[in-house]
Amino acid sequence: MSNGPFFLRWRKPGSAKPELETFADLDAALDAVEARWVELRESAPQILDARKVLLLSTEQLAGEFDAPAEG
């Protein structure tokens, strides 16, 4: 796994330009996505690495955060 920063890229509804948020590490980026999943799920969120190469796609994030809780 590469070193940070990591980026959360997503699009506001109706906007052509993506938003980009920076996080020091992958855990912080994933925590932000998890905390805002209801808001972000329809905004094509993606996690990018330090070179801004796709690390986790919208589909992968949906698979993680839309999955039913086990237990």
C-alpha atoms as a PDB file:
ATOM      1  CA  MET A   1       0.000   0.000   0.000  1.00  0.00           C
ATOM      2  CA  SER A   2       1.347   3.409  -0.874  1.00  0.00           C
ATOM      3  CA  ASN A   3       1.841   6.192   1.613  1.00  0.00           C
ATOM      4  CA  GLY A   4      -0.634   9.049   1.897  1.00  0.00           C
ATOM      5  CA  PRO A   5      -2.156  11.289   1.191  1.00  0.00           C
ATOM      6  CA  PHE A   6      -5.321   9.611   0.000  1.00  0.00           C
ATOM      7  CA  PHE A   7      -8.124  11.375  -1.793  1.00  0.00           C
ATOM      8  CA  LEU A   8     -11.884  11.060  -1.754  1.00  0.00           C
ATOM      9  CA  ARG A   9     -13.326  12.097  -5.107  1.00  0.00           C
ATOM     10  CA  TRP A  10     -17.072  12.544  -5.575  1.00  0.00           C
ATOM     11  CA  ARG A  11     -19.506  14.665  -7.575  1.00  0.00           C
ATOM     12  CA  LYS A  12     -22.188  16.941  -6.188  1.00  0.00           C
ATOM     13  CA  PRO A  13     -25.533  16.226  -7.862  1.00  0.00           C
ATOM     14  CA  GLY A  14     -25.767  18.249 -11.063  1.00  0.00           C
ATOM     15  CA  SER A  15     -22.087  19.208 -11.021  1.00  0.00           C
ATOM     16  CA  ALA A  16     -19.698  18.227 -13.794  1.00  0.00           C
ATOM     17  CA  LYS A  17     -16.584  18.969 -11.718  1.00  0.00           C
ATOM     18  CA  PRO A  18     -15.638  16.441  -9.032  1.00  0.00           C
ATOM     19  CA  GLU A  19     -14.944  17.432  -5.451  1.00  0.00           C
ATOM     20  CA  LEU A  20     -11.634  16.262  -3.988  1.00  0.00           C
ATOM     21  CA  GLU A  21     -10.906  15.855  -0.274  1.00  0.00           C
ATOM     22  CA  THR A  22      -7.486  14.962   1.127  1.00  0.00           C
ATOM     23  CA  PHE A  23      -6.780  12.565   4.006  1.00  0.00           C
ATOM     24  CA  ALA A  24      -3.504  11.663   5.696  1.00  0.00           C
ATOM     25  CA  ASP A  25      -4.141   7.924   5.526  1.00  0.00           C
ATOM     26  CA  LEU A  26      -6.485   5.367   4.027  1.00  0.00           C
ATOM     27  CA  ASP A  27      -8.280   4.717   7.318  1.00  0.00           C
ATOM     28  CA  ALA A  28      -9.233   8.387   7.614  1.00  0.00           C
ATOM     29  CA  ALA A  29     -10.560   8.414   4.040  1.00  0.00           C
ATOM     30  CA  LEU A  30     -12.611   5.270   4.646  1.00  0.00           C
ATOM     31  CA  ASP A  31     -13.925   6.633   7.945  1.00  0.00           C
ATOM     32  CA  ALA A  32     -15.118   9.764   6.114  1.00  0.00           C
ATOM     33  CA  VAL A  33     -16.880   7.687   3.474  1.00  0.00           C
ATOM     34  CA  GLU A  34     -18.510   5.474   6.096  1.00  0.00           C
ATOM     35  CA  ALA A  35     -19.713   8.458   8.132  1.00  0.00           C
ATOM     36  CA  ARG A  36     -21.243  10.133   5.056  1.00  0.00           C
ATOM     37  CA  TRP A  37     -22.238   7.074   3.027  1.00  0.00           C
ATOM     38  CA  VAL A  38     -25.948   7.977   2.815  1.00  0.00           C
ATOM     39  CA  GLU A  39     -24.965  11.377   1.373  1.00  0.00           C
ATOM     40  CA  LEU A  40     -22.153  10.091  -0.876  1.00  0.00           C
ATOM     41  CA  ARG A  41     -23.608   6.863  -2.268  1.00  0.00           C
ATOM     42  CA  GLU A  42     -25.339   8.590  -5.212  1.00  0.00           C
ATOM     43  CA  SER A  43     -22.346  10.877  -5.869  1.00  0.00           C
ATOM     44  CA  ALA A  44     -19.938   8.303  -7.371  1.00  0.00           C
ATOM     45  CA  PRO A  45     -17.404   8.321  -4.502  1.00  0.00           C
ATOM     46  CA  GLN A  46     -13.947   6.920  -5.182  1.00  0.00           C
ATOM     47  CA  ILE A  47     -10.758   6.636  -3.146  1.00  0.00           C
ATOM     48  CA  LEU A  48      -7.538   7.598  -4.926  1.00  0.00           C
ATOM     49  CA  ASP A  49      -3.947   7.016  -3.880  1.00  0.00           C
ATOM     50  CA  ALA A  50      -1.219   9.654  -3.512  1.00  0.00           C
ATOM     51  CA  ARG A  51      -0.707   9.714  -7.309  1.00  0.00           C
ATOM     52  CA  LYS A  52      -4.488  10.151  -7.746  1.00  0.00           C
ATOM     53  CA  VAL A  53      -4.801   6.679  -9.225  1.00  0.00           C
ATOM     54  CA  LEU A  54      -8.050   4.841  -8.475  1.00  0.00           C
ATOM     55  CA  LEU A  55      -7.675   2.643  -5.422  1.00  0.00           C
ATOM     56  CA  LEU A  56     -11.308   1.862  -4.505  1.00  0.00           C
ATOM     57  CA  SER A  57     -14.122   2.288  -7.012  1.00  0.00           C
ATOM     58  CA  THR A  58     -17.686   3.349  -6.320  1.00  0.00           C
ATOM     59  CA  GLU A  59     -18.762  -0.277  -6.749  1.00  0.00           C
ATOM     60  CA  GLN A  60     -16.179  -1.505  -4.244  1.00  0.00           C
ATOM     61  CA  LEU A  61     -17.231   1.113  -1.692  1.00  0.00           C
ATOM     62  CA  ALA A  62     -20.894   0.240  -2.207  1.00  0.00           C
ATOM     63  CA  GLY A  63     -20.047  -3.419  -1.672  1.00  0.00           C
ATOM     64  CA  GLU A  64     -18.470  -2.510   1.636  1.00  0.00           C
ATOM     65  CA  PHE A  65     -20.919   0.055   2.991  1.00  0.00           C
ATOM     66  CA  ASP A  66     -24.188  -1.291   1.542  1.00  0.00           C
ATOM     67  CA  ALA A  67     -23.497  -4.793   2.823  1.00  0.00           C
ATOM     68  CA  PRO A  68     -25.820  -5.961   5.597  1.00  0.00           C
ATOM     69  CA  ALA A  69     -24.227  -5.991   9.041  1.00  0.00           C
ATOM     70  CA  GLU A  70     -23.128  -9.434  10.197  1.00  0.00           C
ATOM     71  CA  GLY A  71     -23.841 -10.646  13.649  1.00  0.00           C
END
